[in-house]
């Protein structure tokens, strides 16, 4: 019993010494990392990606499967930030909501009247990257129909508009 009590007392002294208030302050600042530089770099990276694609793009969206392989022509209007992006197709202008992750631009459209399926509402989600002078990616069209969700996948390629 005495040995156990003495062992417990001996072990508690170093633990108490390690957890003094002064040591906690020293420990917390010793492991601190200056993130101001890395946070600034990561905050400007999406803006740099968006600035590099700002302008008008002539896009072709080709179905990846199915009998109908006719491409859909789209004019993509990109800005240097995440606001004001639109696509024009079939005489209608559709707003796009934009996010950036690394060098990938992700878009999501507002619902609009499909130019491929008459009388059907569609919304699209897409991912795009700049490869040289082309903006390439994949777009998924989600058609609003009765029953199960109906989707179509498109491979997209765009070149700067004239």
Foldseek 3Di string as FASTA:
>chain_A
DVVVVVVVVVVVVVVVVCPDPVNVVVVVVVPDDPCPVVVVVVVCQLLVLQQVPAAKKWKWWAFPDDDDGHTFTKIWHGHSDQPDTWIDGPRDIWGWGWDDDRQKIKIKTDWDQDPVDHPKIKIKIWIWGDDPQKIWTKMKIWIDDPDDIDITIITMIIGHDD
